[in-house]
Structures are given as C-alpha cells and as structure tokens.
Amino acid sequence: MAEVCITEYTDPGCPWAYSAEPFRRRLAWLYGEQIEWRLRLVGLSESSEEYEEKGFTPKRFARECKTIAQEHGMPIDSQVRPRMSATMPACRAIVAARLHAPDKERTLLRRLRIRYFSGGLLDDRELIDAAATDAGLDPAALWAWSQEPDVEAVLREDMAKAREPIAAARVLDHKLANWSGGVRYTCPSYEITRASEGVKIAVPGFQPFAVYDVITANLVPGLERRAAPQGVEEVLDWAGTPLASKEVAVVCDTSLFDARERLARVATEAPVGADGFWTLSH
C-alpha cells in the first residue's frame, strides 16, 4: 500500500487542471509508487447552455484559453469553437473506465484532454470514441458502460464529494468556486492523505509545484525522492504517452526553451496551438 494517497478533483474540460499536469507528472516522477492517485470528477457542466447562461461564450473561452496557454505553457488550440460543450458525457466515460477498465481511467482522461484542447467538442460522441480508441478501449463498449446506472451513481458521488470540501480547504475560500448549495473544489484540487494515520491535507485550486512538493515532504518526510532524469528521452519513455514541452521541462527541472531544444534532437512533435506533444523518434 502506498504511504501517500492523493485524491485529485478534476474535470476533463478544465484548462487549469490540464495546465497543472506538469506538476502532477513531476510528483509522479519523484515519488513513483509511493503515491497512490485517485480521481474524482467535478462535473463542470451538464449542457452547453449552462455556460451560455453565465455569459461564457465560445469567444470568451477562446480568449481565456489563449491567455492560460501563454502563461502556463500547455498546448491549447485557441480557435473559436462553434459552441461550448458539456463535460458530463466525458466524465461518464472516465467513470465507466474506472469501473470496467481501471488501468485505462487516467489514460482516457489524458486522451480526452488532448483531443478537446486540440479544438474538439468534449460532448461530441465522435471525440469520445476517438479518445477511447487512443486509450486502447473499445468505443462501443465504453459507450455502453457509460449508460449503466452504477456509472451515473459513482459520478454523482464524485460530484457530491467535490461540493463538500473538507474544513481545511475552507481556509482558502478564494481557491474554491461558488455553486447554488455553497462552495466546491476548483480543478485541480488535491486531498493528500498519509495512509498510516489518515491525516489529510487539502490543497484547493491551481498551485505552483513548490506547494505540492513542500506539503508532501512535510506530510511524509520519509518518502524517497527519485533522482532527476538523465535526459528528455528518459522522461518520454517513462511517461508512455506523448508529452508537452512544459511537462518535460517541469519533470526535468529545466527551462521550456532548453526542453524544446533537447526534445527536437530525439523526438517528433505533433503541433497543437503554440506548442505540441512529443514522441520519441525511432
């Protein structure tokens, strides 16, 4: 059993959660199997109309995506989309994978994000089917699983937990979001638990890597830290999935410029927005 469990509250449609992936990957690199990761889906939107009612239009979303990409470095296509898209169909697919193919849950989340932030619509059946294929799942089976009552029940449980932040999180209310019943976790939010005693710390909202690192080191000071990678190719081989330049840079603890220069020598880039995803050249 892992000494630390990190429950991550997230949503496949949140650009902030997507932009925090470099930090999660560095934690995973440093601590490996000493950390157990669990997902809980926030369920940001039931329908595209929910966004429109709040004044969140495709043009506004495109502007905000462009700003987030510029400030945090993850690949995002900031073109204006024909409409906003609900996140719940993708959330159901992720929970379905959790219940029926748990080893594919995180992979599916990743593949949904890549296709969505490459300009797709997250509630499009074709996008979800393509992401399932990318993740090594049968799209028809995943769709059938997604319609099961148990999947809906687990998703609603995730959403309820996201809307009941622990008391420690309320100290940082500015990192939480309002909803009709109170406040909820924003994406990503972490609950970090020391397994041996059940001690739990809340880290709500987008945070710099140093926050996660310091909290984890203080919560369980005996954790062994893995040495820095020998090169960018080691990181790509370890990840087992194409990585953005920023993800490689953060894991290697180097600059974005340096990471891109080193990646260009050993890997091939699939462009998205102003950056892209790198795969080792063979």
Protein backbone atom coordinates (compact mmCIF):
# COMPACT_ATOMS: atom_id res chain seq x y z
CA MET A 1 0.00 0.00 0.00
CA ALA A 2 1.29 3.46 -0.90
CA GLU A 3 2.20 5.70 2.03
CA VAL A 4 0.51 8.71 0.44
CA CYS A 5 -2.84 8.89 -1.34
CA ILE A 6 -3.63 11.94 -3.44
CA THR A 7 -7.27 12.34 -4.39
CA GLU A 8 -7.42 14.68 -7.36
CA TYR A 9 -10.64 16.61 -8.02
CA THR A 10 -10.65 17.42 -11.70
CA ASP A 11 -12.64 17.67 -14.92
CA PRO A 12 -11.56 16.88 -18.49
CA GLY A 13 -12.86 20.26 -19.68
CA CYS A 14 -10.95 22.49 -17.26
CA PRO A 15 -7.94 24.29 -18.81
CA TRP A 16 -6.49 24.95 -15.35
CA ALA A 17 -6.48 21.25 -14.43
CA TYR A 18 -4.91 20.49 -17.80
CA SER A 19 -2.27 23.19 -17.20
CA ALA A 20 -1.40 21.66 -13.82
CA GLU A 21 -0.46 18.31 -15.40
CA PRO A 22 3.29 19.14 -15.48
CA PHE A 23 3.28 19.42 -11.68
CA ARG A 24 1.38 16.15 -11.22
CA ARG A 25 3.84 14.42 -13.52
CA ARG A 26 6.80 15.70 -11.56
CA LEU A 27 5.31 14.40 -8.31
CA ALA A 28 4.76 11.06 -10.04
CA TRP A 29 8.37 11.05 -11.25
CA LEU A 30 9.82 11.94 -7.84
CA TYR A 31 7.79 9.52 -5.72
CA GLY A 32 6.58 6.81 -8.09
CA GLU A 33 4.59 4.03 -6.43
CA GLN A 34 4.95 5.68 -3.00
CA ILE A 35 1.94 7.80 -4.07
CA GLU A 36 -1.45 6.34 -4.94
CA TRP A 37 -3.50 8.60 -7.21
CA ARG A 38 -7.30 8.64 -7.21
CA LEU A 39 -9.60 10.66 -9.45
CA ARG A 40 -12.86 12.33 -8.56
CA LEU A 41 -14.76 14.14 -11.31
CA VAL A 42 -16.20 17.57 -10.53
CA GLY A 43 -18.70 17.54 -13.41
CA LEU A 44 -18.45 21.16 -14.51
CA SER A 45 -21.39 21.30 -16.91
CA GLU A 46 -24.45 19.24 -17.76
CA SER A 47 -25.09 21.15 -21.01
CA SER A 48 -23.56 23.79 -23.25
CA GLU A 49 -26.44 26.10 -22.34
CA GLU A 50 -25.17 26.29 -18.75
CA TYR A 51 -22.10 28.17 -19.98
CA GLU A 52 -24.13 30.48 -22.21
CA GLU A 53 -26.44 31.38 -19.32
CA LYS A 54 -23.41 32.51 -17.33
CA GLY A 55 -22.13 34.60 -20.23
CA PHE A 56 -19.36 32.12 -21.01
CA THR A 57 -19.33 32.19 -24.80
CA PRO A 58 -17.03 30.42 -27.30
CA LYS A 59 -15.24 33.74 -27.94
CA ARG A 60 -14.61 34.29 -24.25
CA PHE A 61 -13.45 30.70 -23.83
CA ALA A 62 -11.02 31.10 -26.75
CA ARG A 63 -9.57 34.27 -25.21
CA GLU A 64 -9.13 32.65 -21.81
CA CYS A 65 -7.58 29.52 -23.30
CA LYS A 66 -5.07 31.66 -25.18
CA THR A 67 -4.13 33.53 -22.00
CA ILE A 68 -3.79 30.32 -19.98
CA ALA A 69 -1.65 28.73 -22.70
CA GLN A 70 0.61 31.77 -22.85
CA GLU A 71 1.01 31.94 -19.07
CA HIS A 72 1.34 28.22 -18.28
CA GLY A 73 2.73 26.66 -21.43
CA MET A 74 0.46 23.72 -22.21
CA PRO A 75 -0.63 23.20 -25.86
CA ILE A 76 -4.11 24.64 -26.46
CA ASP A 77 -5.72 25.47 -29.78
CA SER A 78 -7.41 28.79 -29.05
CA GLN A 79 -9.62 28.92 -32.12
CA VAL A 80 -13.24 29.95 -31.52
CA ARG A 81 -15.38 26.80 -31.42
CA PRO A 82 -18.91 26.61 -32.84
CA ARG A 83 -20.37 26.26 -29.34
CA MET A 84 -19.49 25.46 -25.76
CA SER A 85 -19.54 21.79 -24.84
CA ALA A 86 -20.77 20.00 -21.73
CA THR A 87 -18.22 17.98 -19.77
CA MET A 88 -20.58 15.37 -18.29
CA PRO A 89 -20.50 12.87 -21.20
CA ALA A 90 -16.70 12.71 -20.94
CA CYS A 91 -16.93 12.46 -17.14
CA ARG A 92 -19.27 9.48 -17.50
CA ALA A 93 -16.83 7.82 -19.89
CA ILE A 94 -13.98 8.26 -17.39
CA VAL A 95 -16.02 6.78 -14.53
CA ALA A 96 -17.08 3.92 -16.82
CA ALA A 97 -13.40 3.19 -17.45
CA ARG A 98 -12.74 3.36 -13.70
CA LEU A 99 -15.36 0.67 -13.03
CA HIS A 100 -14.69 -1.59 -16.01
CA ALA A 101 -11.06 -0.95 -17.04
CA PRO A 102 -9.39 0.86 -14.12
CA ASP A 103 -5.94 0.71 -15.68
CA LYS A 104 -7.28 2.89 -18.53
CA GLU A 105 -9.01 5.57 -16.43
CA ARG A 106 -6.11 8.05 -16.31
CA THR A 107 -5.15 7.31 -19.91
CA LEU A 108 -8.67 8.06 -21.11
CA LEU A 109 -8.73 11.35 -19.21
CA ARG A 110 -5.48 12.30 -20.91
CA ARG A 111 -6.67 11.38 -24.38
CA LEU A 112 -9.94 13.26 -23.91
CA ARG A 113 -8.00 16.35 -22.87
CA ILE A 114 -5.63 16.17 -25.83
CA ARG A 115 -8.48 15.98 -28.32
CA TYR A 116 -10.51 18.66 -26.54
CA PHE A 117 -7.67 21.14 -26.19
CA SER A 118 -6.73 20.47 -29.80
CA GLY A 119 -10.00 22.15 -30.76
CA GLY A 120 -12.71 19.47 -30.42
CA LEU A 121 -16.03 19.43 -28.58
CA LEU A 122 -15.92 17.40 -25.39
CA ASP A 123 -19.53 16.22 -25.60
CA ASP A 124 -19.14 15.00 -29.19
CA ARG A 125 -19.65 11.22 -29.40
CA GLU A 126 -17.01 11.03 -32.14
CA LEU A 127 -14.42 12.75 -29.93
CA ILE A 128 -15.14 10.40 -27.02
CA ASP A 129 -14.98 7.36 -29.31
CA ALA A 130 -11.66 8.53 -30.76
CA ALA A 131 -10.22 9.16 -27.30
CA ALA A 132 -11.33 5.67 -26.25
CA THR A 133 -9.51 4.18 -29.23
CA ASP A 134 -6.42 6.25 -28.36
CA ALA A 135 -6.58 4.83 -24.83
CA GLY A 136 -6.86 1.23 -26.02
CA LEU A 137 -10.56 0.87 -25.22
CA ASP A 138 -13.38 -0.37 -27.43
CA PRO A 139 -15.55 2.73 -28.10
CA ALA A 140 -18.82 0.76 -28.32
CA ALA A 141 -18.13 -1.00 -25.03
CA LEU A 142 -17.18 2.26 -23.32
CA TRP A 143 -20.37 3.92 -24.56
CA ALA A 144 -22.47 1.02 -23.28
CA TRP A 145 -20.74 1.13 -19.90
CA SER A 146 -21.37 4.89 -19.71
CA GLN A 147 -25.14 4.29 -19.78
CA GLU A 148 -25.12 1.99 -16.76
CA PRO A 149 -26.88 3.17 -13.55
CA ASP A 150 -23.81 2.30 -11.45
CA VAL A 151 -21.66 4.67 -13.51
CA GLU A 152 -24.12 7.51 -13.02
CA ALA A 153 -24.28 6.79 -9.27
CA VAL A 154 -20.50 6.86 -8.88
CA LEU A 155 -20.20 10.03 -10.94
CA ARG A 156 -22.83 11.75 -8.79
CA GLU A 157 -20.93 10.61 -5.69
CA ASP A 158 -17.75 12.18 -7.11
CA MET A 159 -19.63 15.41 -7.77
CA ALA A 160 -21.11 15.45 -4.27
CA LYS A 161 -17.67 14.99 -2.71
CA ALA A 162 -16.31 17.82 -4.84
CA ARG A 163 -19.07 20.03 -3.44
CA GLU A 164 -18.19 19.20 0.16
CA PRO A 165 -14.61 20.47 0.57
CA ILE A 166 -13.03 19.50 3.88
CA ALA A 167 -12.74 22.17 6.57
CA ALA A 168 -9.05 22.82 5.87
CA ALA A 169 -9.89 23.82 2.30
CA ARG A 170 -12.31 26.50 3.51
CA VAL A 171 -9.38 28.50 4.83
CA LEU A 172 -8.54 29.21 1.18
CA ASP A 173 -12.04 30.16 0.07
CA HIS A 174 -10.65 32.17 -2.85
CA LYS A 175 -9.44 28.87 -4.32
CA LEU A 176 -12.96 27.40 -4.22
CA ALA A 177 -15.92 28.06 -6.53
CA ASN A 178 -19.46 29.03 -5.64
CA TRP A 179 -22.44 26.88 -6.56
CA SER A 180 -26.11 27.02 -5.57
CA GLY A 181 -25.51 24.85 -2.49
CA GLY A 182 -22.34 26.54 -1.22
CA VAL A 183 -18.77 26.12 -2.44
CA ARG A 184 -16.93 23.37 -4.31
CA TYR A 185 -13.40 22.40 -5.18
CA THR A 186 -11.99 24.02 -8.29
CA CYS A 187 -9.91 21.99 -10.73
CA PRO A 188 -7.46 20.69 -9.88
CA SER A 189 -7.77 20.33 -6.11
CA TYR A 190 -5.90 17.74 -4.09
CA GLU A 191 -6.67 15.97 -0.84
CA ILE A 192 -3.38 14.46 0.31
CA THR A 193 -3.67 11.70 2.91
CA ARG A 194 -0.99 9.97 4.99
CA ALA A 195 -2.20 6.38 4.84
CA SER A 196 -0.71 5.18 8.13
CA GLU A 197 -2.71 7.65 10.24
CA GLY A 198 -5.36 9.02 7.92
CA VAL A 199 -4.06 12.58 8.30
CA LYS A 200 -5.49 14.63 5.43
CA ILE A 201 -4.40 17.96 3.96
CA ALA A 202 -6.38 19.93 1.39
CA VAL A 203 -4.68 21.78 -1.45
CA PRO A 204 -7.52 23.53 -3.28
CA GLY A 205 -7.16 25.03 -6.74
CA PHE A 206 -4.27 25.57 -9.14
CA GLN A 207 -0.98 25.88 -7.24
CA PRO A 208 2.71 26.14 -8.14
CA PHE A 209 4.71 22.91 -7.90
CA ALA A 210 6.55 24.05 -4.76
CA VAL A 211 3.29 23.95 -2.78
CA TYR A 212 2.68 20.28 -3.60
CA ASP A 213 6.32 19.41 -3.03
CA VAL A 214 6.58 21.06 0.39
CA ILE A 215 3.27 19.62 1.62
CA THR A 216 4.14 16.09 0.51
CA ALA A 217 7.64 16.30 2.00
CA ASN A 218 6.30 17.53 5.34
CA LEU A 219 3.37 15.13 5.49
CA VAL A 220 5.58 12.08 4.92
CA PRO A 221 9.23 13.13 5.37
CA GLY A 222 10.46 9.55 4.89
CA LEU A 223 9.48 9.33 1.23
CA GLU A 224 12.37 8.60 -1.10
CA ARG A 225 12.83 11.03 -3.97
CA ARG A 226 13.90 9.72 -7.34
CA ALA A 227 16.95 11.27 -8.94
CA ALA A 228 16.49 13.74 -11.78
CA PRO A 229 16.09 12.15 -15.24
CA GLN A 230 19.24 11.67 -17.30
CA GLY A 231 17.61 13.19 -20.38
CA VAL A 232 14.35 14.10 -22.05
CA GLU A 233 14.19 10.73 -23.79
CA GLU A 234 14.09 9.02 -20.39
CA VAL A 235 11.04 11.12 -19.46
CA LEU A 236 9.19 10.32 -22.70
CA ASP A 237 9.94 6.61 -22.31
CA TRP A 238 8.75 6.67 -18.67
CA ALA A 239 5.52 8.53 -19.44
CA GLY A 240 4.39 6.09 -22.10
CA THR A 241 2.36 8.84 -23.80
CA PRO A 242 3.24 11.93 -25.85
CA LEU A 243 4.16 14.83 -23.58
CA ALA A 244 4.02 18.59 -23.98
CA SER A 245 7.26 20.58 -23.83
CA LYS A 246 6.17 22.10 -20.49
CA GLU A 247 5.60 18.67 -18.95
CA VAL A 248 9.07 17.52 -19.94
CA ALA A 249 10.61 20.80 -18.75
CA VAL A 250 8.99 20.56 -15.31
CA VAL A 251 9.91 16.89 -14.80
CA CYS A 252 13.50 17.67 -15.84
CA ASP A 253 13.50 20.88 -13.76
CA THR A 254 14.73 22.91 -16.71
CA SER A 255 13.51 25.81 -18.82
CA LEU A 256 10.93 25.46 -21.57
CA PHE A 257 13.49 26.70 -24.09
CA ASP A 258 16.05 24.09 -23.02
CA ALA A 259 13.46 21.29 -23.01
CA ARG A 260 12.30 22.10 -26.54
CA GLU A 261 15.87 22.23 -27.85
CA ARG A 262 16.69 18.86 -26.31
CA LEU A 263 13.39 17.32 -27.43
CA ALA A 264 13.97 18.40 -31.02
CA ARG A 265 17.11 16.23 -31.14
CA VAL A 266 15.41 12.96 -30.15
CA ALA A 267 11.66 13.29 -30.64
CA THR A 268 8.93 14.24 -33.09
CA GLU A 269 6.38 16.94 -32.31
CA ALA A 270 2.67 16.88 -33.15
CA PRO A 271 1.76 20.61 -33.06
CA VAL A 272 -1.20 21.90 -31.06
CA GLY A 273 -1.67 25.62 -30.62
CA ALA A 274 1.68 27.28 -29.98
CA ASP A 275 3.37 24.06 -28.77
CA GLY A 276 2.67 20.35 -29.22
CA PHE A 277 3.14 16.80 -27.98
CA TRP A 278 6.43 14.94 -28.33
CA THR A 279 7.01 11.27 -29.16
CA LEU A 280 10.40 9.58 -29.30
CA SER A 281 11.75 9.23 -32.84
CA HIS A 282 12.52 5.66 -33.94
